[in-house]
Amino acid sequence: MEIRKNETQLVCIAKFIAKEGEVEALIHDLHALIALTHQEGGCIRYELNQCIDDPNRITFIEKWYDETTFNTHCAMPYITKFFNDGKPLHVKEFEVNLHKQILA
């Protein structure tokens, strides 16, 4: 079986762990980013998820047309506002991993 990767699209997994008592505020702030992000050119998937075993763990699963559209997204005013204002208030830990999809 040949293993192929989608070499153009970019998958981002952004993991947030909320500070104690801040999970609802974090979800609110992150949820506010969804509609705006869905309007961006190059956004294929942008979904917010909450861990069943640990509700303080919130994860965005994102898929972008390419690295350029992902970088443009990261520079959008509403994204930078969240990272400058909301993240310090609500987030204890944060991790971003970038991936390439493995195709069948």
N, C-alpha and C. Protein backbone atom coordinates (compact mmCIF):
# COMPACT_ATOMS: atom_id res chain seq x y z
N MET A 1 0.84 -1.18 0.00
CA MET A 1 0.00 0.00 0.00
C MET A 1 0.88 1.25 0.00
N GLU A 2 0.59 2.14 -0.90
CA GLU A 2 1.33 3.39 -0.98
C GLU A 2 0.76 4.39 0.03
N ILE A 3 1.62 4.97 0.82
CA ILE A 3 1.19 5.99 1.78
C ILE A 3 1.48 7.35 1.16
N ARG A 4 0.43 8.15 1.06
CA ARG A 4 0.56 9.49 0.47
C ARG A 4 0.11 10.52 1.49
N LYS A 5 0.68 11.69 1.39
CA LYS A 5 0.28 12.81 2.24
C LYS A 5 -0.27 13.91 1.37
N ASN A 6 -1.24 14.62 1.91
CA ASN A 6 -1.73 15.82 1.24
C ASN A 6 -0.68 16.90 1.51
N GLU A 7 0.10 17.23 0.53
CA GLU A 7 1.24 18.13 0.73
C GLU A 7 0.87 19.61 0.70
N THR A 8 -0.35 19.94 0.31
CA THR A 8 -0.70 21.35 0.25
C THR A 8 -1.53 21.78 1.46
N GLN A 9 -2.54 21.01 1.83
CA GLN A 9 -3.39 21.40 2.93
C GLN A 9 -2.67 21.24 4.27
N LEU A 10 -3.08 22.03 5.23
CA LEU A 10 -2.48 22.03 6.55
C LEU A 10 -3.57 21.76 7.59
N VAL A 11 -3.30 20.86 8.50
CA VAL A 11 -4.21 20.56 9.60
C VAL A 11 -3.58 21.11 10.87
N CYS A 12 -4.35 21.85 11.64
CA CYS A 12 -3.89 22.43 12.90
C CYS A 12 -4.73 21.85 14.03
N ILE A 13 -4.06 21.40 15.08
CA ILE A 13 -4.74 20.97 16.30
C ILE A 13 -4.26 21.90 17.40
N ALA A 14 -5.17 22.75 17.86
CA ALA A 14 -4.86 23.73 18.90
C ALA A 14 -5.54 23.30 20.19
N LYS A 15 -4.73 23.00 21.21
CA LYS A 15 -5.24 22.49 22.48
C LYS A 15 -5.10 23.56 23.57
N PHE A 16 -6.19 23.75 24.28
CA PHE A 16 -6.23 24.71 25.38
C PHE A 16 -6.63 23.98 26.65
N ILE A 17 -6.00 24.30 27.76
CA ILE A 17 -6.45 23.84 29.07
C ILE A 17 -6.85 25.10 29.84
N ALA A 18 -8.11 25.14 30.22
CA ALA A 18 -8.64 26.33 30.91
C ALA A 18 -8.11 26.42 32.33
N LYS A 19 -7.92 27.65 32.78
CA LYS A 19 -7.64 27.88 34.19
C LYS A 19 -8.87 27.46 34.99
N GLU A 20 -8.64 27.14 36.26
CA GLU A 20 -9.74 26.73 37.13
C GLU A 20 -10.85 27.78 37.12
N GLY A 21 -12.08 27.35 36.86
CA GLY A 21 -13.24 28.23 36.85
C GLY A 21 -13.39 29.07 35.59
N GLU A 22 -12.56 28.86 34.58
CA GLU A 22 -12.56 29.70 33.38
C GLU A 22 -13.03 28.97 32.13
N VAL A 23 -13.44 27.71 32.24
CA VAL A 23 -13.74 26.95 31.03
C VAL A 23 -14.90 27.55 30.24
N GLU A 24 -15.96 27.98 30.90
CA GLU A 24 -17.10 28.56 30.16
C GLU A 24 -16.72 29.85 29.47
N ALA A 25 -15.92 30.68 30.13
CA ALA A 25 -15.46 31.93 29.50
C ALA A 25 -14.54 31.62 28.31
N LEU A 26 -13.70 30.61 28.45
CA LEU A 26 -12.83 30.22 27.35
C LEU A 26 -13.64 29.72 26.16
N ILE A 27 -14.60 28.85 26.42
CA ILE A 27 -15.46 28.35 25.35
C ILE A 27 -16.18 29.51 24.66
N HIS A 28 -16.70 30.43 25.44
CA HIS A 28 -17.39 31.60 24.88
C HIS A 28 -16.47 32.38 23.95
N ASP A 29 -15.26 32.67 24.41
CA ASP A 29 -14.32 33.45 23.59
C ASP A 29 -13.91 32.69 22.32
N LEU A 30 -13.67 31.38 22.45
CA LEU A 30 -13.27 30.61 21.28
C LEU A 30 -14.44 30.43 20.31
N HIS A 31 -15.61 30.21 20.84
CA HIS A 31 -16.79 30.04 19.98
C HIS A 31 -17.05 31.29 19.14
N ALA A 32 -16.74 32.44 19.69
CA ALA A 32 -16.94 33.71 18.97
C ALA A 32 -16.05 33.79 17.72
N LEU A 33 -15.00 32.99 17.65
CA LEU A 33 -14.09 33.01 16.50
C LEU A 33 -14.59 32.19 15.32
N ILE A 34 -15.53 31.29 15.56
CA ILE A 34 -15.93 30.31 14.55
C ILE A 34 -16.57 30.96 13.32
N ALA A 35 -17.61 31.75 13.50
CA ALA A 35 -18.32 32.33 12.35
C ALA A 35 -17.39 33.19 11.50
N LEU A 36 -16.56 33.99 12.14
CA LEU A 36 -15.62 34.84 11.40
C LEU A 36 -14.61 34.00 10.62
N THR A 37 -14.11 32.96 11.26
CA THR A 37 -13.11 32.11 10.62
C THR A 37 -13.70 31.35 9.45
N HIS A 38 -14.94 30.89 9.58
CA HIS A 38 -15.58 30.16 8.48
C HIS A 38 -15.72 31.03 7.23
N GLN A 39 -15.69 32.33 7.38
CA GLN A 39 -15.79 33.25 6.24
C GLN A 39 -14.44 33.48 5.55
N GLU A 40 -13.37 33.06 6.17
CA GLU A 40 -12.04 33.27 5.59
C GLU A 40 -11.82 32.36 4.39
N GLY A 41 -11.19 32.91 3.37
CA GLY A 41 -10.79 32.09 2.24
C GLY A 41 -9.75 31.08 2.70
N GLY A 42 -9.90 29.86 2.28
CA GLY A 42 -8.93 28.84 2.65
C GLY A 42 -9.30 28.00 3.85
N CYS A 43 -10.36 28.39 4.57
CA CYS A 43 -10.80 27.61 5.72
C CYS A 43 -11.65 26.43 5.23
N ILE A 44 -11.18 25.22 5.49
CA ILE A 44 -11.90 24.02 5.10
C ILE A 44 -12.66 23.44 6.30
N ARG A 45 -12.03 23.49 7.47
CA ARG A 45 -12.63 22.94 8.69
C ARG A 45 -12.15 23.77 9.87
N TYR A 46 -13.08 24.09 10.77
CA TYR A 46 -12.73 24.85 11.97
C TYR A 46 -13.78 24.50 13.01
N GLU A 47 -13.45 23.54 13.85
CA GLU A 47 -14.44 23.07 14.82
C GLU A 47 -13.87 23.05 16.22
N LEU A 48 -14.72 23.39 17.17
CA LEU A 48 -14.36 23.46 18.58
C LEU A 48 -14.89 22.22 19.29
N ASN A 49 -14.05 21.61 20.13
CA ASN A 49 -14.40 20.38 20.83
C ASN A 49 -14.00 20.47 22.30
N GLN A 50 -14.76 19.77 23.14
CA GLN A 50 -14.47 19.69 24.57
C GLN A 50 -14.24 18.24 24.95
N CYS A 51 -13.19 17.99 25.69
CA CYS A 51 -12.83 16.63 26.11
C CYS A 51 -13.89 16.08 27.07
N ILE A 52 -14.30 14.85 26.83
CA ILE A 52 -15.30 14.20 27.68
C ILE A 52 -14.72 13.91 29.06
N ASP A 53 -13.48 13.42 29.09
CA ASP A 53 -12.86 13.02 30.36
C ASP A 53 -12.36 14.20 31.20
N ASP A 54 -12.07 15.31 30.56
CA ASP A 54 -11.57 16.50 31.26
C ASP A 54 -12.16 17.74 30.58
N PRO A 55 -13.30 18.22 31.06
CA PRO A 55 -13.98 19.35 30.41
C PRO A 55 -13.15 20.64 30.33
N ASN A 56 -12.05 20.74 31.08
CA ASN A 56 -11.18 21.91 30.98
C ASN A 56 -10.31 21.89 29.73
N ARG A 57 -10.30 20.77 29.01
CA ARG A 57 -9.51 20.64 27.78
C ARG A 57 -10.41 20.95 26.57
N ILE A 58 -10.06 22.01 25.87
CA ILE A 58 -10.80 22.47 24.71
C ILE A 58 -9.85 22.41 23.51
N THR A 59 -10.35 21.88 22.39
CA THR A 59 -9.49 21.69 21.21
C THR A 59 -10.17 22.21 19.95
N PHE A 60 -9.42 22.99 19.19
CA PHE A 60 -9.82 23.35 17.83
C PHE A 60 -9.18 22.35 16.89
N ILE A 61 -9.97 21.81 15.97
CA ILE A 61 -9.45 21.01 14.86
C ILE A 61 -9.68 21.86 13.62
N GLU A 62 -8.60 22.18 12.94
CA GLU A 62 -8.67 23.10 11.80
C GLU A 62 -8.06 22.45 10.56
N LYS A 63 -8.60 22.78 9.42
CA LYS A 63 -7.99 22.37 8.15
C LYS A 63 -8.00 23.58 7.23
N TRP A 64 -6.84 23.83 6.64
CA TRP A 64 -6.63 25.01 5.80
C TRP A 64 -6.14 24.59 4.42
N TYR A 65 -6.50 25.38 3.43
CA TYR A 65 -6.14 25.11 2.04
C TYR A 65 -4.62 24.95 1.88
N ASP A 66 -3.87 25.82 2.59
CA ASP A 66 -2.42 25.73 2.55
C ASP A 66 -1.84 26.53 3.71
N GLU A 67 -0.53 26.53 3.81
CA GLU A 67 0.13 27.22 4.92
C GLU A 67 -0.09 28.73 4.86
N THR A 68 -0.17 29.29 3.67
CA THR A 68 -0.39 30.73 3.53
C THR A 68 -1.73 31.14 4.11
N THR A 69 -2.79 30.38 3.81
CA THR A 69 -4.11 30.74 4.35
C THR A 69 -4.15 30.55 5.86
N PHE A 70 -3.43 29.56 6.37
CA PHE A 70 -3.35 29.38 7.83
C PHE A 70 -2.64 30.57 8.47
N ASN A 71 -1.52 31.00 7.89
CA ASN A 71 -0.78 32.14 8.43
C ASN A 71 -1.61 33.42 8.37
N THR A 72 -2.38 33.59 7.30
CA THR A 72 -3.27 34.74 7.20
C THR A 72 -4.30 34.71 8.32
N HIS A 73 -4.87 33.53 8.56
CA HIS A 73 -5.83 33.35 9.66
C HIS A 73 -5.21 33.77 11.00
N CYS A 74 -4.00 33.31 11.25
CA CYS A 74 -3.33 33.61 12.53
C CYS A 74 -3.11 35.11 12.74
N ALA A 75 -3.04 35.86 11.66
CA ALA A 75 -2.81 37.31 11.74
C ALA A 75 -4.10 38.13 11.76
N MET A 76 -5.25 37.45 11.66
CA MET A 76 -6.52 38.19 11.65
C MET A 76 -6.71 38.92 12.99
N PRO A 77 -7.31 40.11 12.97
CA PRO A 77 -7.46 40.90 14.20
C PRO A 77 -8.20 40.16 15.32
N TYR A 78 -9.24 39.40 14.99
CA TYR A 78 -9.99 38.70 16.04
C TYR A 78 -9.18 37.55 16.64
N ILE A 79 -8.27 36.97 15.88
CA ILE A 79 -7.41 35.91 16.41
C ILE A 79 -6.34 36.53 17.31
N THR A 80 -5.69 37.57 16.83
CA THR A 80 -4.65 38.21 17.66
C THR A 80 -5.26 38.81 18.92
N LYS A 81 -6.50 39.34 18.83
CA LYS A 81 -7.16 39.87 20.02
C LYS A 81 -7.38 38.77 21.06
N PHE A 82 -7.83 37.59 20.61
CA PHE A 82 -8.01 36.50 21.56
C PHE A 82 -6.69 36.15 22.24
N PHE A 83 -5.62 36.00 21.45
CA PHE A 83 -4.35 35.60 22.04
C PHE A 83 -3.74 36.68 22.92
N ASN A 84 -4.01 37.94 22.63
CA ASN A 84 -3.49 39.03 23.46
C ASN A 84 -4.35 39.28 24.70
N ASP A 85 -5.67 39.14 24.58
CA ASP A 85 -6.58 39.50 25.67
C ASP A 85 -7.23 38.30 26.37
N GLY A 86 -7.81 37.38 25.61
CA GLY A 86 -8.56 36.28 26.20
C GLY A 86 -7.69 35.16 26.73
N LYS A 87 -6.69 34.78 25.97
CA LYS A 87 -5.84 33.66 26.39
C LYS A 87 -5.20 33.89 27.76
N PRO A 88 -4.60 35.05 28.03
CA PRO A 88 -3.99 35.24 29.35
C PRO A 88 -5.00 35.11 30.50
N LEU A 89 -6.25 35.48 30.25
CA LEU A 89 -7.27 35.41 31.30
C LEU A 89 -7.77 33.99 31.56
N HIS A 90 -7.90 33.20 30.53
CA HIS A 90 -8.63 31.94 30.63
C HIS A 90 -7.79 30.68 30.46
N VAL A 91 -6.59 30.78 29.93
CA VAL A 91 -5.85 29.59 29.53
C VAL A 91 -4.66 29.33 30.46
N LYS A 92 -4.63 28.11 30.99
CA LYS A 92 -3.51 27.67 31.83
C LYS A 92 -2.38 27.12 30.96
N GLU A 93 -2.73 26.29 29.97
CA GLU A 93 -1.74 25.70 29.06
C GLU A 93 -2.29 25.76 27.64
N PHE A 94 -1.36 25.83 26.69
CA PHE A 94 -1.73 25.94 25.28
C PHE A 94 -0.70 25.23 24.43
N GLU A 95 -1.17 24.51 23.40
CA GLU A 95 -0.26 23.80 22.50
C GLU A 95 -0.87 23.78 21.10
N VAL A 96 -0.04 24.02 20.09
CA VAL A 96 -0.47 23.94 18.70
C VAL A 96 0.45 22.95 17.98
N ASN A 97 -0.19 22.05 17.23
CA ASN A 97 0.56 21.10 16.40
C ASN A 97 0.02 21.20 14.98
N LEU A 98 0.95 21.27 14.02
CA LEU A 98 0.58 21.34 12.61
C LEU A 98 0.85 19.98 11.97
N HIS A 99 -0.06 19.58 11.08
CA HIS A 99 -0.01 18.25 10.49
C HIS A 99 -0.28 18.31 8.99
N LYS A 100 0.09 17.23 8.31
CA LYS A 100 -0.31 16.95 6.93
C LYS A 100 -1.18 15.70 6.98
N GLN A 101 -2.29 15.70 6.29
CA GLN A 101 -3.19 14.56 6.26
C GLN A 101 -2.57 13.41 5.49
N ILE A 102 -2.70 12.20 6.04
CA ILE A 102 -2.27 11.00 5.35
C ILE A 102 -3.46 10.45 4.58
N LEU A 103 -3.26 10.28 3.29
CA LEU A 103 -4.35 9.87 2.40
C LEU A 103 -4.35 8.36 2.21
N ALA A 104 -5.52 7.81 1.94
CA ALA A 104 -5.64 6.37 1.69
C ALA A 104 -5.20 6.04 0.29
